[in-house]
Amino acid sequence: MRVIGLDYGTKTVGVAISDELLITAQPLLTIERERANKLRKTVAKIEEIISEYNVEEIVLGYPKNMNNTLGERAAATDEFREMLERRTGLPVILVDERLTTIEADRILEETGVVASGRKEYIDKMAAAIILQNYLDMKKNA
């Protein structure tokens, strides 16, 4: 069994995958789309990954504001969560994603990825951080 982690953005979805022991999360890929409301191909790619890796659970980053309120992005994420649950039949767990993109950027900087090259990695790295936070929380529960 594996768990997939998603960082849902307006034009991209970062994807990460757990190992089979549910200990670590690894960045997998970034799904890009032309427009924010075009999700059919995005969900089809996620379904393909779910099948390929025998995924049984989806972790989705939940974009709360710094003051813990919910805004437009959270509403869009809720709609995406409902779509994923309908299409995949899998549970979708929402995990607070505040500051994960900043943390991902810091990690990439520390590993020597130049600023101009970070865009390619930032979303899937943020997805890995979201998923790792979930795996750690589940392990410590």
N, C-alpha and C. Protein backbone atom coordinates (compact mmCIF):
# COMPACT_ATOMS: atom_id res chain seq x y z
N MET A 1 0.85 -1.19 0.00
CA MET A 1 0.00 0.00 0.00
C MET A 1 0.88 1.24 0.00
N ARG A 2 0.43 2.24 -0.70
CA ARG A 2 1.11 3.53 -0.72
C ARG A 2 0.09 4.65 -0.58
N VAL A 3 0.60 5.82 -0.28
CA VAL A 3 -0.21 7.02 -0.17
C VAL A 3 0.37 8.03 -1.15
N ILE A 4 -0.52 8.76 -1.81
CA ILE A 4 -0.09 9.82 -2.73
C ILE A 4 -0.35 11.16 -2.06
N GLY A 5 0.56 12.10 -2.27
CA GLY A 5 0.41 13.45 -1.74
C GLY A 5 0.28 14.43 -2.88
N LEU A 6 -0.62 15.39 -2.75
CA LEU A 6 -0.87 16.37 -3.81
C LEU A 6 -0.80 17.79 -3.27
N ASP A 7 -0.12 18.64 -4.03
CA ASP A 7 -0.09 20.08 -3.77
C ASP A 7 -0.85 20.72 -4.93
N TYR A 8 -2.12 21.04 -4.68
CA TYR A 8 -3.03 21.53 -5.72
C TYR A 8 -2.90 23.04 -5.88
N GLY A 9 -2.47 23.47 -7.06
CA GLY A 9 -2.35 24.88 -7.35
C GLY A 9 -3.24 25.28 -8.51
N THR A 10 -3.21 26.55 -8.87
CA THR A 10 -4.10 27.04 -9.93
C THR A 10 -3.72 26.49 -11.30
N LYS A 11 -2.44 26.25 -11.55
CA LYS A 11 -2.02 25.74 -12.86
C LYS A 11 -1.22 24.45 -12.79
N THR A 12 -0.85 24.03 -11.59
CA THR A 12 -0.07 22.80 -11.44
C THR A 12 -0.58 21.99 -10.26
N VAL A 13 -0.25 20.71 -10.28
CA VAL A 13 -0.46 19.85 -9.12
C VAL A 13 0.85 19.10 -8.89
N GLY A 14 1.47 19.38 -7.75
CA GLY A 14 2.66 18.64 -7.37
C GLY A 14 2.24 17.29 -6.83
N VAL A 15 2.98 16.25 -7.19
CA VAL A 15 2.64 14.89 -6.79
C VAL A 15 3.84 14.25 -6.09
N ALA A 16 3.56 13.61 -4.95
CA ALA A 16 4.57 12.85 -4.21
C ALA A 16 3.98 11.49 -3.89
N ILE A 17 4.86 10.53 -3.63
CA ILE A 17 4.42 9.17 -3.34
C ILE A 17 5.17 8.67 -2.10
N SER A 18 4.48 7.88 -1.29
CA SER A 18 5.13 7.28 -0.13
C SER A 18 5.82 6.00 -0.53
N ASP A 19 6.71 5.53 0.33
CA ASP A 19 7.25 4.19 0.16
C ASP A 19 6.18 3.20 0.65
N GLU A 20 6.38 1.92 0.43
CA GLU A 20 5.37 0.93 0.80
C GLU A 20 5.22 0.76 2.30
N LEU A 21 6.23 1.15 3.08
CA LEU A 21 6.15 1.04 4.53
C LEU A 21 5.54 2.28 5.18
N LEU A 22 5.20 3.27 4.36
CA LEU A 22 4.60 4.53 4.82
C LEU A 22 5.51 5.28 5.78
N ILE A 23 6.82 5.28 5.45
CA ILE A 23 7.79 5.98 6.28
C ILE A 23 8.25 7.27 5.63
N THR A 24 8.52 7.23 4.32
CA THR A 24 9.05 8.40 3.65
C THR A 24 8.21 8.80 2.44
N ALA A 25 8.30 10.07 2.11
CA ALA A 25 7.63 10.63 0.93
C ALA A 25 8.69 11.09 -0.05
N GLN A 26 8.49 10.80 -1.33
CA GLN A 26 9.41 11.23 -2.37
C GLN A 26 8.65 12.06 -3.40
N PRO A 27 9.26 13.16 -3.86
CA PRO A 27 8.65 13.92 -4.95
C PRO A 27 8.55 13.03 -6.18
N LEU A 28 7.45 13.12 -6.91
CA LEU A 28 7.26 12.26 -8.08
C LEU A 28 7.24 13.08 -9.37
N LEU A 29 6.28 13.98 -9.49
CA LEU A 29 6.18 14.78 -10.71
C LEU A 29 5.28 15.98 -10.48
N THR A 30 5.26 16.86 -11.46
CA THR A 30 4.36 18.01 -11.45
C THR A 30 3.47 17.91 -12.67
N ILE A 31 2.16 17.95 -12.44
CA ILE A 31 1.19 17.93 -13.52
C ILE A 31 0.84 19.38 -13.84
N GLU A 32 1.00 19.76 -15.10
CA GLU A 32 0.68 21.13 -15.51
C GLU A 32 -0.59 21.12 -16.36
N ARG A 33 -1.35 22.20 -16.26
CA ARG A 33 -2.54 22.34 -17.10
C ARG A 33 -2.61 23.77 -17.61
N GLU A 34 -3.32 23.92 -18.71
CA GLU A 34 -3.38 25.22 -19.37
C GLU A 34 -4.22 26.25 -18.61
N ARG A 35 -5.33 25.78 -18.02
CA ARG A 35 -6.22 26.69 -17.29
C ARG A 35 -6.62 26.07 -15.96
N ALA A 36 -6.90 26.92 -15.00
CA ALA A 36 -7.22 26.47 -13.64
C ALA A 36 -8.41 25.53 -13.59
N ASN A 37 -9.41 25.76 -14.44
CA ASN A 37 -10.63 24.97 -14.38
C ASN A 37 -10.60 23.73 -15.27
N LYS A 38 -9.49 23.45 -15.91
CA LYS A 38 -9.34 22.27 -16.76
C LYS A 38 -8.72 21.15 -15.94
N LEU A 39 -9.56 20.25 -15.41
CA LEU A 39 -9.06 19.23 -14.48
C LEU A 39 -9.18 17.79 -14.99
N ARG A 40 -9.84 17.59 -16.12
CA ARG A 40 -10.07 16.23 -16.60
C ARG A 40 -8.77 15.46 -16.80
N LYS A 41 -7.82 16.05 -17.51
CA LYS A 41 -6.54 15.38 -17.77
C LYS A 41 -5.72 15.24 -16.49
N THR A 42 -5.84 16.23 -15.61
CA THR A 42 -5.13 16.18 -14.33
C THR A 42 -5.61 14.99 -13.50
N VAL A 43 -6.91 14.85 -13.38
CA VAL A 43 -7.47 13.74 -12.60
C VAL A 43 -7.16 12.41 -13.28
N ALA A 44 -7.19 12.36 -14.60
CA ALA A 44 -6.85 11.12 -15.32
C ALA A 44 -5.40 10.72 -15.02
N LYS A 45 -4.48 11.67 -14.97
CA LYS A 45 -3.08 11.38 -14.66
C LYS A 45 -2.95 10.88 -13.22
N ILE A 46 -3.68 11.49 -12.30
CA ILE A 46 -3.67 11.05 -10.90
C ILE A 46 -4.21 9.63 -10.80
N GLU A 47 -5.28 9.32 -11.54
CA GLU A 47 -5.82 7.96 -11.54
C GLU A 47 -4.80 6.95 -12.06
N GLU A 48 -4.06 7.36 -13.07
CA GLU A 48 -3.01 6.51 -13.64
C GLU A 48 -1.92 6.21 -12.59
N ILE A 49 -1.52 7.22 -11.85
CA ILE A 49 -0.51 7.06 -10.80
C ILE A 49 -1.05 6.16 -9.69
N ILE A 50 -2.29 6.36 -9.31
CA ILE A 50 -2.93 5.55 -8.27
C ILE A 50 -2.89 4.08 -8.66
N SER A 51 -3.22 3.80 -9.90
CA SER A 51 -3.20 2.42 -10.39
C SER A 51 -1.79 1.85 -10.43
N GLU A 52 -0.86 2.62 -10.96
CA GLU A 52 0.53 2.15 -11.12
C GLU A 52 1.20 1.84 -9.77
N TYR A 53 0.92 2.65 -8.76
CA TYR A 53 1.59 2.50 -7.46
C TYR A 53 0.73 1.82 -6.39
N ASN A 54 -0.44 1.34 -6.74
CA ASN A 54 -1.32 0.67 -5.78
C ASN A 54 -1.64 1.58 -4.58
N VAL A 55 -2.05 2.80 -4.88
CA VAL A 55 -2.35 3.81 -3.86
C VAL A 55 -3.71 3.53 -3.24
N GLU A 56 -3.78 3.65 -1.91
CA GLU A 56 -5.03 3.41 -1.20
C GLU A 56 -5.56 4.64 -0.46
N GLU A 57 -4.78 5.72 -0.51
CA GLU A 57 -5.19 6.92 0.21
C GLU A 57 -4.55 8.13 -0.47
N ILE A 58 -5.27 9.25 -0.45
CA ILE A 58 -4.78 10.49 -1.05
C ILE A 58 -4.69 11.55 0.04
N VAL A 59 -3.54 12.22 0.09
CA VAL A 59 -3.35 13.35 1.01
C VAL A 59 -3.30 14.60 0.14
N LEU A 60 -4.13 15.56 0.47
CA LEU A 60 -4.25 16.79 -0.32
C LEU A 60 -3.94 17.99 0.57
N GLY A 61 -2.98 18.80 0.12
CA GLY A 61 -2.65 20.01 0.87
C GLY A 61 -3.83 20.95 0.93
N TYR A 62 -4.10 21.49 2.13
CA TYR A 62 -5.23 22.38 2.34
C TYR A 62 -4.72 23.79 2.63
N PRO A 63 -4.98 24.73 1.73
CA PRO A 63 -4.39 26.08 1.84
C PRO A 63 -5.16 26.99 2.80
N LYS A 64 -4.77 26.96 4.05
CA LYS A 64 -5.36 27.88 5.02
C LYS A 64 -4.56 29.18 5.00
N ASN A 65 -5.25 30.26 5.35
CA ASN A 65 -4.57 31.55 5.52
C ASN A 65 -3.74 31.49 6.80
N MET A 66 -2.78 32.39 6.93
CA MET A 66 -1.91 32.37 8.11
C MET A 66 -2.69 32.58 9.40
N ASN A 67 -3.85 33.24 9.34
CA ASN A 67 -4.67 33.46 10.54
C ASN A 67 -5.68 32.32 10.74
N ASN A 68 -5.48 31.21 10.04
CA ASN A 68 -6.28 29.98 10.15
C ASN A 68 -7.67 30.08 9.52
N THR A 69 -7.92 31.13 8.74
CA THR A 69 -9.19 31.23 8.04
C THR A 69 -9.07 30.55 6.68
N LEU A 70 -10.21 30.35 6.03
CA LEU A 70 -10.24 29.72 4.72
C LEU A 70 -10.62 30.74 3.66
N GLY A 71 -9.99 30.67 2.51
CA GLY A 71 -10.26 31.62 1.44
C GLY A 71 -10.68 30.91 0.16
N GLU A 72 -10.51 31.60 -0.96
CA GLU A 72 -10.89 31.07 -2.28
C GLU A 72 -10.16 29.78 -2.61
N ARG A 73 -8.86 29.72 -2.34
CA ARG A 73 -8.07 28.52 -2.67
C ARG A 73 -8.57 27.31 -1.88
N ALA A 74 -8.99 27.52 -0.64
CA ALA A 74 -9.52 26.41 0.16
C ALA A 74 -10.83 25.90 -0.44
N ALA A 75 -11.67 26.81 -0.90
CA ALA A 75 -12.94 26.41 -1.53
C ALA A 75 -12.66 25.60 -2.80
N ALA A 76 -11.69 26.04 -3.61
CA ALA A 76 -11.33 25.31 -4.83
C ALA A 76 -10.75 23.94 -4.48
N THR A 77 -9.98 23.89 -3.40
CA THR A 77 -9.40 22.62 -2.96
C THR A 77 -10.49 21.66 -2.49
N ASP A 78 -11.50 22.19 -1.80
CA ASP A 78 -12.63 21.35 -1.38
C ASP A 78 -13.34 20.73 -2.58
N GLU A 79 -13.53 21.53 -3.63
CA GLU A 79 -14.16 21.02 -4.85
C GLU A 79 -13.28 19.94 -5.51
N PHE A 80 -11.99 20.17 -5.54
CA PHE A 80 -11.05 19.20 -6.10
C PHE A 80 -11.07 17.91 -5.28
N ARG A 81 -11.12 18.03 -3.96
CA ARG A 81 -11.19 16.86 -3.07
C ARG A 81 -12.44 16.03 -3.39
N GLU A 82 -13.57 16.69 -3.51
CA GLU A 82 -14.82 15.98 -3.81
C GLU A 82 -14.72 15.27 -5.16
N MET A 83 -14.12 15.93 -6.15
CA MET A 83 -13.95 15.32 -7.47
C MET A 83 -13.05 14.08 -7.38
N LEU A 84 -11.96 14.20 -6.65
CA LEU A 84 -11.04 13.06 -6.49
C LEU A 84 -11.73 11.89 -5.80
N GLU A 85 -12.48 12.16 -4.76
CA GLU A 85 -13.19 11.09 -4.05
C GLU A 85 -14.19 10.40 -4.96
N ARG A 86 -14.93 11.19 -5.75
CA ARG A 86 -15.91 10.61 -6.69
C ARG A 86 -15.22 9.76 -7.74
N ARG A 87 -14.16 10.30 -8.35
CA ARG A 87 -13.50 9.62 -9.48
C ARG A 87 -12.67 8.41 -9.05
N THR A 88 -12.01 8.50 -7.89
CA THR A 88 -11.10 7.43 -7.49
C THR A 88 -11.71 6.44 -6.51
N GLY A 89 -12.71 6.88 -5.76
CA GLY A 89 -13.29 6.03 -4.72
C GLY A 89 -12.40 5.90 -3.50
N LEU A 90 -11.33 6.69 -3.45
CA LEU A 90 -10.39 6.65 -2.33
C LEU A 90 -10.65 7.78 -1.35
N PRO A 91 -10.30 7.56 -0.07
CA PRO A 91 -10.41 8.67 0.88
C PRO A 91 -9.38 9.74 0.57
N VAL A 92 -9.78 11.00 0.73
CA VAL A 92 -8.88 12.13 0.53
C VAL A 92 -8.78 12.87 1.86
N ILE A 93 -7.58 12.89 2.41
CA ILE A 93 -7.32 13.53 3.70
C ILE A 93 -6.72 14.90 3.45
N LEU A 94 -7.32 15.93 4.06
CA LEU A 94 -6.81 17.29 3.92
C LEU A 94 -5.76 17.55 5.00
N VAL A 95 -4.62 18.10 4.59
CA VAL A 95 -3.52 18.40 5.50
C VAL A 95 -3.11 19.86 5.31
N ASP A 96 -3.00 20.59 6.40
CA ASP A 96 -2.60 22.00 6.36
C ASP A 96 -1.29 22.13 5.60
N GLU A 97 -1.30 23.00 4.58
CA GLU A 97 -0.10 23.16 3.75
C GLU A 97 0.59 24.50 3.95
N ARG A 98 0.22 25.23 4.99
CA ARG A 98 0.85 26.54 5.20
C ARG A 98 2.37 26.42 5.26
N LEU A 99 3.02 27.28 4.53
CA LEU A 99 4.48 27.43 4.49
C LEU A 99 5.22 26.28 3.81
N THR A 100 4.51 25.31 3.22
CA THR A 100 5.22 24.20 2.57
C THR A 100 5.98 24.65 1.33
N THR A 101 5.45 25.59 0.57
CA THR A 101 6.16 26.06 -0.61
C THR A 101 7.43 26.81 -0.21
N ILE A 102 7.35 27.57 0.88
CA ILE A 102 8.53 28.27 1.38
C ILE A 102 9.57 27.26 1.86
N GLU A 103 9.12 26.23 2.57
CA GLU A 103 10.03 25.18 3.03
C GLU A 103 10.65 24.44 1.84
N ALA A 104 9.84 24.14 0.83
CA ALA A 104 10.36 23.46 -0.36
C ALA A 104 11.42 24.32 -1.05
N ASP A 105 11.18 25.61 -1.15
CA ASP A 105 12.14 26.52 -1.77
C ASP A 105 13.45 26.54 -0.97
N ARG A 106 13.34 26.55 0.34
CA ARG A 106 14.52 26.55 1.20
C ARG A 106 15.34 25.27 1.01
N ILE A 107 14.66 24.14 0.96
CA ILE A 107 15.34 22.84 0.75
C ILE A 107 16.05 22.83 -0.60
N LEU A 108 15.37 23.30 -1.62
CA LEU A 108 15.99 23.32 -2.95
C LEU A 108 17.20 24.25 -2.98
N GLU A 109 17.08 25.39 -2.30
CA GLU A 109 18.22 26.31 -2.23
C GLU A 109 19.40 25.66 -1.52
N GLU A 110 19.11 24.98 -0.39
CA GLU A 110 20.17 24.33 0.38
C GLU A 110 20.84 23.18 -0.38
N THR A 111 20.11 22.58 -1.29
CA THR A 111 20.69 21.47 -2.06
C THR A 111 21.36 21.95 -3.34
N GLY A 112 21.42 23.26 -3.52
CA GLY A 112 22.17 23.82 -4.63
C GLY A 112 21.41 24.04 -5.92
N VAL A 113 20.09 23.92 -5.88
CA VAL A 113 19.30 24.19 -7.08
C VAL A 113 19.20 25.70 -7.25
N VAL A 114 19.68 26.20 -8.38
CA VAL A 114 19.65 27.65 -8.61
C VAL A 114 18.22 28.15 -8.70
N ALA A 115 18.03 29.40 -8.35
CA ALA A 115 16.68 29.98 -8.29
C ALA A 115 15.91 29.80 -9.59
N SER A 116 16.59 29.97 -10.72
CA SER A 116 15.90 29.84 -12.00
C SER A 116 15.44 28.41 -12.28
N GLY A 117 16.03 27.42 -11.63
CA GLY A 117 15.66 26.02 -11.86
C GLY A 117 14.69 25.46 -10.84
N ARG A 118 14.37 26.23 -9.82
CA ARG A 118 13.51 25.70 -8.75
C ARG A 118 12.06 25.51 -9.16
N LYS A 119 11.60 26.30 -10.12
CA LYS A 119 10.20 26.20 -10.56
C LYS A 119 9.85 24.78 -10.99
N GLU A 120 10.81 24.11 -11.60
CA GLU A 120 10.59 22.74 -12.07
C GLU A 120 10.34 21.75 -10.92
N TYR A 121 10.87 22.05 -9.75
CA TYR A 121 10.82 21.11 -8.63
C TYR A 121 9.92 21.51 -7.48
N ILE A 122 9.57 22.80 -7.39
CA ILE A 122 8.94 23.34 -6.19
C ILE A 122 7.61 22.67 -5.84
N ASP A 123 6.74 22.41 -6.82
CA ASP A 123 5.42 21.85 -6.52
C ASP A 123 5.49 20.40 -6.06
N LYS A 124 6.33 19.60 -6.71
CA LYS A 124 6.43 18.20 -6.27
C LYS A 124 7.17 18.10 -4.94
N MET A 125 8.09 19.03 -4.67
CA MET A 125 8.75 19.06 -3.37
C MET A 125 7.77 19.46 -2.28
N ALA A 126 6.91 20.45 -2.56
CA ALA A 126 5.88 20.84 -1.59
C ALA A 126 4.93 19.68 -1.33
N ALA A 127 4.58 18.93 -2.37
CA ALA A 127 3.72 17.75 -2.20
C ALA A 127 4.40 16.72 -1.30
N ALA A 128 5.70 16.55 -1.45
CA ALA A 128 6.44 15.60 -0.61
C ALA A 128 6.44 16.05 0.85
N ILE A 129 6.56 17.35 1.08
CA ILE A 129 6.53 17.88 2.45
C ILE A 129 5.15 17.66 3.06
N ILE A 130 4.11 17.94 2.30
CA ILE A 130 2.73 17.72 2.78
C ILE A 130 2.53 16.25 3.14
N LEU A 131 2.96 15.37 2.25
CA LEU A 131 2.81 13.93 2.50
C LEU A 131 3.66 13.48 3.67
N GLN A 132 4.89 13.95 3.77
CA GLN A 132 5.75 13.56 4.89
C GLN A 132 5.17 14.02 6.22
N ASN A 133 4.60 15.23 6.25
CA ASN A 133 3.94 15.72 7.47
C ASN A 133 2.81 14.78 7.87
N TYR A 134 2.04 14.32 6.91
CA TYR A 134 0.95 13.39 7.18
C TYR A 134 1.47 12.06 7.69
N LEU A 135 2.48 11.51 7.03
CA LEU A 135 3.05 10.22 7.44
C LEU A 135 3.61 10.30 8.86
N ASP A 136 4.30 11.40 9.16
CA ASP A 136 4.85 11.59 10.52
C ASP A 136 3.74 11.70 11.55
N MET A 137 2.69 12.45 11.22
CA MET A 137 1.56 12.61 12.12
C MET A 137 0.88 11.26 12.40
N LYS A 138 0.73 10.47 11.34
CA LYS A 138 0.07 9.17 11.47
C LYS A 138 0.94 8.21 12.30
N LYS A 139 2.24 8.27 12.10
CA LYS A 139 3.17 7.40 12.84
C LYS A 139 3.17 7.75 14.33
N ASN A 140 3.05 9.05 14.64
CA ASN A 140 3.11 9.50 16.02
C ASN A 140 1.77 9.48 16.74
N ALA A 141 0.72 9.14 16.02
CA ALA A 141 -0.62 9.15 16.63
C ALA A 141 -0.84 7.95 17.53
